[in-house]
Amino acid sequence: MVRTFIKKVYAAIAAGDKDAAQKAFNEMQPIVDRQSCKGLIHKNKAA
């Protein structure tokens, strides 16, 4: 699930669509934070 959101952010950045990249990043950030709290991602990797 995290990889999907990260790919969406990278795709929007590569396309040059700043608004879509910002929206995708805002969707991705809380998910990454939750996964780091659960221990699935190292906290430094999520930062």
Protein backbone atom coordinates (compact mmCIF):
# COMPACT_ATOMS: atom_id res chain seq x y z
CA MET A 1 0.00 0.00 0.00
CA VAL A 2 2.79 2.41 0.85
CA ARG A 3 4.62 1.69 -2.39
CA THR A 4 1.51 2.56 -4.39
CA PHE A 5 1.27 6.00 -2.82
CA ILE A 6 4.99 6.62 -3.22
CA LYS A 7 4.73 5.69 -6.91
CA LYS A 8 1.83 8.14 -7.32
CA VAL A 9 3.96 10.94 -5.88
CA TYR A 10 6.93 10.11 -8.12
CA ALA A 11 4.68 9.85 -11.19
CA ALA A 12 3.12 13.25 -10.52
CA ILE A 13 6.55 14.83 -10.02
CA ALA A 14 7.86 13.25 -13.22
CA ALA A 15 4.83 14.55 -15.11
CA GLY A 16 5.52 18.05 -13.80
CA ASP A 17 2.07 18.35 -12.22
CA LYS A 18 2.75 20.25 -9.00
CA ASP A 19 -0.84 20.20 -7.72
CA ALA A 20 -1.22 16.45 -8.23
CA ALA A 21 2.17 15.83 -6.61
CA GLN A 22 1.20 17.88 -3.56
CA LYS A 23 -2.16 16.10 -3.28
CA ALA A 24 -0.53 12.67 -3.59
CA PHE A 25 2.10 13.60 -1.01
CA ASN A 26 -0.56 14.78 1.42
CA GLU A 27 -2.34 11.42 1.01
CA MET A 28 0.89 9.46 1.39
CA GLN A 29 2.34 11.13 4.49
CA PRO A 30 -0.15 9.91 7.15
CA ILE A 31 0.03 6.38 5.76
CA VAL A 32 3.82 6.33 5.97
CA ASP A 33 3.65 7.72 9.52
CA ARG A 34 1.21 5.01 10.58
CA GLN A 35 3.40 2.29 9.10
CA SER A 36 6.45 3.63 10.93
CA CYS A 37 4.56 3.60 14.24
CA LYS A 38 3.64 -0.04 13.64
CA GLY A 39 7.27 -0.88 12.92
CA LEU A 40 6.80 -1.81 9.26
CA ILE A 41 9.04 1.06 8.17
CA HIS A 42 11.98 2.37 10.20
CA LYS A 43 11.18 5.77 11.68
CA ASN A 44 14.22 7.36 10.03
CA LYS A 45 13.19 5.96 6.65
CA ALA A 46 9.73 7.48 7.06
CA ALA A 47 11.08 10.89 8.06
